[in-house]
Protein backbone atom coordinates (compact mmCIF):
# COMPACT_ATOMS: atom_id res chain seq x y z
CA MET A 1 -9.30 15.28 -10.77
CA MET A 2 -6.59 16.03 -7.99
CA ASP A 3 -3.43 17.27 -9.56
CA THR A 4 -0.68 15.37 -7.30
CA THR A 5 2.81 15.78 -6.60
CA PRO A 6 5.23 13.45 -5.51
CA ALA A 7 5.83 15.64 -2.40
CA ASP A 8 1.91 15.67 -1.76
CA PHE A 9 2.27 12.37 -1.31
CA ARG A 10 4.54 11.95 0.72
CA ARG A 11 2.68 13.90 3.00
CA LEU A 12 -0.73 13.27 3.06
CA VAL A 13 1.09 9.82 3.50
CA ALA A 14 3.12 10.49 6.14
CA GLN A 15 -0.17 11.58 8.44
CA VAL A 16 -0.67 7.73 7.41
CA THR A 17 2.76 7.00 9.59
CA ALA A 18 2.47 9.48 12.46
CA ARG A 19 -0.59 7.43 13.24
CA LEU A 20 1.55 4.02 13.53
CA GLU A 21 4.44 4.99 15.07
CA GLY A 22 4.67 2.27 17.78
CA ARG A 23 2.11 0.25 17.29
CA PRO A 24 2.66 -3.27 16.85
CA LEU A 25 1.55 -4.40 13.22
CA ASP A 26 -0.78 -6.80 13.99
CA ALA A 27 -5.17 -7.39 13.56
CA GLY A 28 -5.43 -4.94 16.08
CA LEU A 29 -4.30 -1.94 14.04
CA GLN A 30 -5.45 -3.71 10.32
CA ALA A 31 -9.07 -3.18 12.93
CA TRP A 32 -7.51 0.61 13.91
CA LEU A 33 -6.51 1.71 10.93
CA ASN A 34 -10.15 0.38 8.70
CA ASP A 35 -12.34 2.67 11.93
CA GLN A 36 -9.92 5.37 11.77
CA ILE A 37 -8.93 6.19 7.57
CA GLY A 38 -11.14 3.57 5.75
CA PRO A 39 -12.24 3.17 2.78
CA GLU A 40 -15.28 6.08 3.42
CA SER A 41 -12.99 8.45 5.32
CA GLU A 42 -11.32 11.74 3.41
CA LEU A 43 -7.73 10.56 3.76
CA TYR A 44 -8.46 7.31 2.39
CA GLN A 45 -10.13 9.40 -0.84
CA GLN A 46 -7.48 11.58 -0.77
CA LEU A 47 -4.60 8.30 -0.82
CA LYS A 48 -6.58 6.85 -3.35
CA ALA A 49 -6.26 10.10 -6.02
CA ALA A 50 -2.55 10.92 -5.16
CA CYS A 51 -2.03 6.93 -6.28
CA GLU A 52 -3.88 6.60 -9.54
CA THR A 53 -2.76 9.80 -10.23
CA GLY A 54 0.70 9.26 -9.47
CA ALA A 55 0.76 5.84 -11.40
CA ARG A 56 -1.08 7.93 -14.71
CA ALA A 57 1.87 10.43 -14.01
CA GLY A 58 4.28 7.92 -14.76
CA TRP A 59 5.66 8.52 -11.11
CA LEU A 60 4.27 5.68 -9.25
CA CYS A 61 4.86 1.82 -10.45
CA THR A 62 6.95 2.57 -13.13
CA GLN A 63 8.35 -0.56 -12.96
CA THR A 64 6.75 -4.31 -14.89
CA ASN A 65 7.18 -7.69 -14.09
CA GLY A 66 5.16 -9.49 -16.21
CA ARG A 67 1.35 -8.52 -15.41
CA VAL A 68 2.62 -6.63 -12.20
CA ARG A 69 3.10 -2.40 -12.69
CA PHE A 70 5.39 -0.94 -9.52
CA SER A 71 7.92 1.64 -8.05
CA ARG A 72 9.21 2.16 -4.87
CA ILE A 73 7.98 6.06 -4.95
CA PHE A 74 10.21 6.24 -0.82
CA GLU A 75 12.42 4.85 1.04
CA PRO A 76 12.63 4.52 4.27
CA ALA A 77 12.69 8.17 6.23
CA VAL A 78 12.45 10.15 9.75
CA ASP A 79 9.40 12.39 8.32
CA LEU A 80 7.28 8.80 7.16
CA HIS A 81 8.10 7.63 10.72
CA GLY A 82 10.52 4.15 8.90
CA PHE A 83 7.88 3.55 6.82
CA SER A 84 8.83 2.27 3.00
CA VAL A 85 5.76 3.58 0.59
CA ASP A 86 5.47 0.82 -2.72
CA VAL A 87 2.66 1.14 -4.54
CA VAL A 88 2.03 -1.70 -7.55
CA GLU A 89 -0.57 -2.39 -9.43
CA MET A 90 -1.47 -5.70 -10.23
CA ASN A 91 -5.02 -7.15 -12.80
CA ASP A 92 -6.29 -11.50 -11.50
CA VAL A 93 -1.89 -11.90 -11.15
CA ALA A 94 -0.34 -13.34 -8.54
CA GLY A 95 2.81 -11.60 -7.11
CA ARG A 96 6.41 -13.06 -6.60
CA ARG A 97 6.69 -14.74 -3.09
CA HIS A 98 8.29 -12.67 -0.41
CA GLU A 99 8.21 -12.42 3.44
CA HIS A 100 7.17 -9.22 6.25
CA PRO A 101 10.07 -9.42 9.13
CA THR A 102 8.98 -6.76 10.24
CA GLY A 103 5.51 -6.73 9.07
CA GLU A 104 3.44 -4.67 6.21
CA ILE A 105 1.01 -2.49 6.18
CA ASP A 106 -1.07 -2.45 2.88
CA LEU A 107 -3.83 0.51 0.79
CA VAL A 108 -6.00 -1.95 -0.99
CA MET A 109 -7.32 0.04 -3.28
CA PRO A 110 -9.43 -1.32 -6.18
CA GLN A 111 -10.17 -0.02 -9.43
CA GLU A 112 -12.86 -1.77 -11.17
CA GLY A 113 -14.75 -5.43 -10.76
CA ASP A 114 -15.25 -6.78 -6.88
CA ALA A 115 -11.26 -6.37 -6.81
CA ARG A 116 -9.92 -7.85 -3.90
CA PHE A 117 -6.23 -7.91 -2.34
CA ASP A 118 -5.65 -11.45 -0.62
CA GLY A 119 -9.13 -11.35 -0.68
CA HIS A 120 -9.51 -7.81 0.17
CA PRO A 121 -11.84 -5.79 -0.95
CA ALA A 122 -11.08 -2.31 -0.89
CA GLY A 123 -9.20 -0.45 2.81
CA TRP A 124 -6.06 -1.40 5.17
CA VAL A 125 -4.33 -4.80 5.81
CA VAL A 126 -1.83 -5.58 7.87
CA TYR A 127 1.13 -8.78 8.22
CA GLY A 128 3.21 -8.95 10.80
CA PRO A 129 6.47 -9.71 11.56
CA GLY A 130 8.05 -12.39 10.06
CA THR A 131 4.49 -13.72 7.67
CA ALA A 132 5.15 -13.88 4.64
CA HIS A 133 2.36 -14.35 1.29
CA SER A 134 2.25 -14.57 -2.62
CA PRO A 135 0.57 -11.19 -3.25
CA THR A 136 -2.67 -12.05 -4.58
CA THR A 137 -5.15 -9.80 -6.20
CA THR A 138 -8.69 -11.01 -7.88
CA GLY A 139 -11.74 -10.05 -9.45
CA GLY A 140 -10.30 -7.65 -11.65
CA ARG A 141 -7.85 -4.34 -11.84
CA LEU A 142 -6.28 -2.61 -8.11
CA LEU A 143 -3.76 -1.06 -6.54
CA VAL A 144 -1.68 -1.33 -3.17
CA MET A 145 0.23 0.68 -1.28
CA TYR A 146 2.21 -1.29 0.47
CA LEU A 147 3.93 0.34 3.91
CA LEU A 148 7.53 -1.41 4.80
CA PRO A 149 8.90 -0.60 9.12
CA GLN A 150 12.75 0.17 7.45
CA GLY A 151 11.94 -0.95 4.21
CA GLU A 152 12.59 -4.81 5.19
CA ILE A 153 11.04 -7.46 3.01
CA ARG A 154 12.63 -10.55 1.56
CA PHE A 155 12.11 -12.09 -1.39
CA THR A 156 12.11 -16.16 -0.97
């Protein structure tokens, strides 16, 4: 079991956000992330282990709304290349509908069953600027790490 701290997690996330700088949030980025940092990669496995550790230790997913546990662990910052970082735990539930004014990048980490996020299995999902959705999980429990440019999200 990995003994991860919030500072360790921040350093891992910064390894991802450094690779995102200047890239458009679109289908091409989603394909690139899944190719470069997909579920079989060491960095994906480290991020997943850190999120699992943080949720167990109580420094991630600290708030509850119905059957959804969540938290914003980091506000946008220079070392995170302007991204905020949220982690959510969901289990066969639809979350609150929201819009992504500048886009959203999600790391999907199934925890049990054939858990999927908006129909996607383990890996990365990218929503472009101006998109909206009600984040929905099916098939079991999962963790999702959200990266939001400048922390922008608008609940509708």
